[in-house]
Amino acid sequence: MSFRPIVAVSAAVRSERDVPFAYLRTTYLTALENAGLVPLVAAPLHDPTAAEDLMEHVDALVLTGGADLNPALYDAPRHPMLGAVSDIRDHWEIALVNAAKRRGTPLLAICRGAQLLNVALGGSLIQDIPSQHPSDINHDPDRPRSSRTHFVEIQTESRLARAIGLTSLEVNSVHHQSIERVADELRVVAFAPDGVIEGVESAADSPWWCVGVQWHPEDLIGTQESWDRDIFSAFARVIGKQ
């Protein structure tokens, strides 16, 4: 009997009528299931040390999108345009990254997830792109999440380029923060035309498969283009080789 790999998928915590609940858009789960993986929702726990226990029982990790990160994590003052933050989620996901890194567990980080990955490894963020990095590109337009908004150029021979078989593609965009100072253990492999970082990954010679993208490929798996489905397929292939 063959067993499909299990992937931990980070989730947010929200409150409705003062009742907290775990929150995760199911598009992430669908994208992973379609790639032959079994997603396991990993909502934030108050004890970050439990991340080690969780990572011992899964084959991979996906960090998802969501709220802004607390700038205290990278020793920066709060920007006036900073949105809501979730300290419990920040600390839980940082613990997940550290556990995955120690184990060499494949990691795919999406939007906020890519930002969290960078911060967890020692990098910093632009807290508000419109005011701190103004350009002609609106990185958070009022459009459907499945709308492709701008192009991204990808470094040849990167893990990301090999996954999709392209070095240029059009992506969606739903964010107002982005990576600023890149963590030493990551390299930039994709940019938007205005210089905003759109993709990072572990060093070329690192045995750890770790890729972060600033857009939301899980919202584009139903489009005619296969690019975003190919990211999840490549992720599944890597997990299968572990």
Protein backbone atom coordinates (compact mmCIF):
# COMPACT_ATOMS: atom_id res chain seq x y z
CA MET A 1 0.00 0.00 0.00
CA SER A 2 1.34 3.43 -0.93
CA PHE A 3 0.80 6.42 1.32
CA ARG A 4 0.41 9.99 0.11
CA PRO A 5 2.71 12.54 1.78
CA ILE A 6 1.21 14.64 4.56
CA VAL A 7 1.77 18.40 4.42
CA ALA A 8 1.28 20.72 7.40
CA VAL A 9 -0.49 23.92 6.28
CA SER A 10 -0.35 26.95 8.54
CA ALA A 11 -3.60 28.71 9.44
CA ALA A 12 -4.69 31.96 11.04
CA VAL A 13 -6.73 32.57 14.19
CA ARG A 14 -9.68 34.95 13.96
CA SER A 15 -12.53 35.94 16.23
CA GLU A 16 -16.22 36.16 15.47
CA ARG A 17 -18.51 37.48 18.20
CA ASP A 18 -15.60 37.07 20.62
CA VAL A 19 -15.21 33.37 19.72
CA PRO A 20 -11.77 32.52 18.28
CA PHE A 21 -11.53 30.01 15.47
CA ALA A 22 -8.92 28.69 13.04
CA TYR A 23 -9.14 30.19 9.56
CA LEU A 24 -7.74 28.97 6.24
CA ARG A 25 -8.97 29.43 2.69
CA THR A 26 -9.61 26.01 1.19
CA THR A 27 -7.87 26.94 -2.08
CA TYR A 28 -4.59 25.94 -0.42
CA LEU A 29 -6.00 22.53 0.47
CA THR A 30 -7.39 21.98 -3.02
CA ALA A 31 -4.09 22.88 -4.68
CA LEU A 32 -2.19 20.43 -2.48
CA GLU A 33 -4.77 17.66 -2.83
CA ASN A 34 -4.73 18.04 -6.62
CA ALA A 35 -0.95 17.57 -6.50
CA GLY A 36 -1.39 14.21 -4.76
CA LEU A 37 -0.69 15.44 -1.23
CA VAL A 38 -2.68 15.22 2.01
CA PRO A 39 -2.95 18.66 3.66
CA LEU A 40 -3.13 18.86 7.46
CA VAL A 41 -4.29 22.20 8.86
CA ALA A 42 -1.84 23.39 11.53
CA ALA A 43 -3.51 26.19 13.47
CA PRO A 44 -1.31 28.27 15.80
CA LEU A 45 -0.63 26.85 19.25
CA HIS A 46 0.32 28.88 22.30
CA ASP A 47 3.36 26.67 22.90
CA PRO A 48 5.77 27.10 19.96
CA THR A 49 7.86 24.15 21.16
CA ALA A 50 5.05 21.91 19.87
CA ALA A 51 6.23 22.76 16.35
CA GLU A 52 9.00 20.17 16.74
CA ASP A 53 6.44 17.48 17.58
CA LEU A 54 4.28 18.40 14.60
CA MET A 55 7.15 18.45 12.10
CA GLU A 56 8.22 15.00 13.28
CA HIS A 57 4.97 13.58 11.90
CA VAL A 58 4.62 15.37 8.54
CA ASP A 59 6.51 15.27 5.26
CA ALA A 60 6.43 18.96 4.29
CA LEU A 61 5.28 22.42 5.32
CA VAL A 62 3.30 25.19 3.60
CA LEU A 63 3.21 28.69 5.07
CA THR A 64 0.10 30.57 3.93
CA GLY A 65 -0.97 34.18 3.49
CA GLY A 66 -2.76 36.48 5.91
CA ALA A 67 -2.17 39.32 8.36
CA ASP A 68 0.87 41.58 8.61
CA LEU A 69 3.87 40.51 10.66
CA ASN A 70 4.77 42.32 13.86
CA PRO A 71 7.79 44.54 13.01
CA ALA A 72 9.17 43.94 16.51
CA LEU A 73 10.32 40.61 15.09
CA TYR A 74 12.91 42.45 12.99
CA ASP A 75 13.52 45.35 15.38
CA ALA A 76 11.62 47.99 13.43
CA PRO A 77 9.08 50.56 14.65
CA ARG A 78 5.47 50.22 13.57
CA HIS A 79 4.60 51.99 10.34
CA PRO A 80 1.35 54.01 10.41
CA MET A 81 -0.09 51.77 7.67
CA LEU A 82 0.69 48.53 9.47
CA GLY A 83 -2.40 46.33 9.66
CA ALA A 84 -3.50 43.89 12.32
CA VAL A 85 -0.87 41.45 13.56
CA SER A 86 -1.10 38.06 15.27
CA ASP A 87 1.74 37.39 17.69
CA ILE A 88 0.63 33.83 18.40
CA ARG A 89 0.68 33.03 14.69
CA ASP A 90 4.02 34.80 14.11
CA HIS A 91 5.80 32.88 16.87
CA TRP A 92 4.18 29.57 15.95
CA GLU A 93 5.18 29.83 12.29
CA ILE A 94 8.72 30.95 13.12
CA ALA A 95 9.00 27.80 15.24
CA LEU A 96 7.70 25.75 12.30
CA VAL A 97 10.33 27.24 9.99
CA ASN A 98 13.12 26.49 12.45
CA ALA A 99 11.90 22.92 12.92
CA ALA A 100 11.63 22.38 9.16
CA LYS A 101 15.10 23.81 8.61
CA ARG A 102 16.65 21.51 11.23
CA ARG A 103 15.01 18.49 9.64
CA GLY A 104 15.50 19.53 6.02
CA THR A 105 11.72 19.32 5.54
CA PRO A 106 10.56 20.72 2.15
CA LEU A 107 8.90 24.10 2.61
CA LEU A 108 6.70 26.16 0.30
CA ALA A 109 5.92 29.68 1.54
CA ILE A 110 3.17 31.80 -0.03
CA CYS A 111 2.69 35.60 0.24
CA ARG A 112 2.78 36.32 4.00
CA GLY A 113 4.46 32.94 4.29
CA ALA A 114 7.41 34.13 2.20
CA GLN A 115 7.68 37.24 4.36
CA LEU A 116 7.51 35.15 7.55
CA LEU A 117 10.16 32.80 6.19
CA ASN A 118 12.49 35.73 5.54
CA VAL A 119 11.91 37.21 9.01
CA ALA A 120 12.32 33.83 10.71
CA LEU A 121 15.75 33.51 9.12
CA GLY A 122 16.86 37.03 10.05
CA GLY A 123 15.53 39.32 7.31
CA SER A 124 13.23 42.36 7.40
CA LEU A 125 10.16 43.69 5.57
CA ILE A 126 8.79 46.72 3.80
CA GLN A 127 5.76 47.36 5.99
CA ASP A 128 3.74 49.27 3.39
CA ILE A 129 4.69 49.20 -0.28
CA PRO A 130 2.60 52.22 -1.45
CA SER A 131 4.29 54.60 1.02
CA GLN A 132 7.75 53.01 1.30
CA HIS A 133 8.26 51.73 -2.24
CA PRO A 134 5.87 53.71 -4.49
CA SER A 135 5.58 52.64 -8.13
CA ASP A 136 3.11 52.36 -11.00
CA ILE A 137 2.24 48.80 -9.95
CA ASN A 138 -0.61 48.30 -7.50
CA HIS A 139 0.35 45.20 -5.52
CA ASP A 140 -3.04 45.01 -3.82
CA PRO A 141 -5.60 45.92 -6.49
CA ASP A 142 -9.34 45.55 -6.04
CA ARG A 143 -9.62 42.65 -8.46
CA PRO A 144 -10.58 38.96 -8.24
CA ARG A 145 -7.83 36.84 -6.68
CA SER A 146 -7.62 34.82 -9.89
CA SER A 147 -6.72 37.92 -11.95
CA ARG A 148 -3.15 38.13 -13.21
CA THR A 149 -1.91 41.61 -12.32
CA HIS A 150 1.74 42.04 -13.27
CA PHE A 151 4.73 40.14 -14.62
CA VAL A 152 7.51 38.56 -12.60
CA GLU A 153 11.00 37.79 -13.86
CA ILE A 154 12.56 34.61 -12.44
CA GLN A 155 16.24 33.77 -12.25
CA THR A 156 17.32 31.05 -14.64
CA GLU A 157 18.34 27.76 -12.99
CA SER A 158 16.51 28.60 -9.78
CA ARG A 159 14.30 25.98 -8.14
CA LEU A 160 11.32 28.15 -9.00
CA ALA A 161 12.23 28.45 -12.69
CA ARG A 162 12.76 24.70 -12.92
CA ALA A 163 9.39 24.09 -11.27
CA ILE A 164 7.41 26.08 -13.84
CA GLY A 165 9.73 25.85 -16.83
CA LEU A 166 9.67 29.63 -17.34
CA THR A 167 11.68 32.70 -16.40
CA SER A 168 8.82 35.18 -16.91
CA LEU A 169 5.17 34.86 -15.97
CA GLU A 170 2.17 36.98 -15.03
CA VAL A 171 0.90 36.59 -11.48
CA ASN A 172 -1.88 37.79 -9.19
CA SER A 173 -1.08 40.17 -6.36
CA VAL A 174 -2.74 40.57 -2.95
CA HIS A 175 -0.26 42.20 -0.55
CA HIS A 176 0.96 45.52 0.80
CA GLN A 177 4.08 44.23 2.55
CA SER A 178 7.13 42.61 0.96
CA ILE A 179 10.65 41.46 1.71
CA GLU A 180 13.22 44.22 2.28
CA ARG A 181 16.51 42.94 3.74
CA VAL A 182 16.94 39.36 2.59
CA ALA A 183 17.99 36.78 5.17
CA ASP A 184 21.51 35.45 4.68
CA GLU A 185 20.25 31.90 4.15
CA LEU A 186 17.95 32.93 1.29
CA ARG A 187 18.59 34.20 -2.22
CA VAL A 188 16.28 36.35 -4.33
CA VAL A 189 15.15 34.55 -7.46
CA ALA A 190 12.20 36.66 -8.68
CA PHE A 191 11.34 40.36 -9.01
CA ALA A 192 8.36 42.45 -10.11
CA PRO A 193 9.16 45.18 -12.70
CA ASP A 194 9.27 47.79 -9.91
CA GLY A 195 11.90 45.84 -7.95
CA VAL A 196 9.58 44.31 -5.36
CA ILE A 197 10.90 40.87 -4.40
CA GLU A 198 8.54 38.15 -5.65
CA GLY A 199 10.50 34.98 -4.97
CA VAL A 200 13.15 33.68 -2.59
CA GLU A 201 14.63 30.27 -1.95
CA SER A 202 17.37 28.46 -0.09
CA ALA A 203 20.90 28.63 -1.49
CA ALA A 204 21.57 26.73 -4.71
CA ASP A 205 23.94 24.34 -2.93
CA SER A 206 21.64 23.82 0.05
CA PRO A 207 20.06 20.35 0.43
CA TRP A 208 16.98 22.03 1.94
CA TRP A 209 14.22 22.61 -0.66
CA CYS A 210 12.73 25.89 0.49
CA VAL A 211 10.87 28.23 -1.90
CA GLY A 212 8.84 31.35 -1.16
CA VAL A 213 6.62 33.23 -3.63
CA GLN A 214 4.93 36.58 -3.05
CA TRP A 215 1.87 35.84 -5.18
CA HIS A 216 -0.93 33.32 -4.56
CA PRO A 217 -0.51 30.32 -6.90
CA GLU A 218 -3.27 28.42 -5.09
CA ASP A 219 -5.79 30.92 -6.49
CA LEU A 220 -4.58 30.36 -10.06
CA ILE A 221 -4.69 26.57 -10.35
CA GLY A 222 -7.93 26.78 -12.33
CA THR A 223 -6.52 29.07 -15.04
CA GLN A 224 -5.60 27.90 -18.53
CA GLU A 225 -1.89 28.33 -17.81
CA SER A 226 -0.25 25.46 -15.92
CA TRP A 227 2.41 27.63 -14.25
CA ASP A 228 0.91 27.73 -10.78
CA ARG A 229 -0.20 24.11 -10.77
CA ASP A 230 3.38 23.26 -11.73
CA ILE A 231 4.67 24.84 -8.50
CA PHE A 232 2.60 22.42 -6.43
CA SER A 233 3.53 19.51 -8.68
CA ALA A 234 7.24 20.26 -8.25
CA PHE A 235 6.73 20.54 -4.50
CA ALA A 236 5.06 17.10 -4.50
CA ARG A 237 7.91 15.56 -6.50
CA VAL A 238 10.49 16.87 -4.05
CA ILE A 239 8.53 15.51 -1.10
CA GLY A 240 8.29 12.14 -2.80
CA LYS A 241 12.08 11.93 -3.04
CA GLN A 242 12.64 12.52 0.68
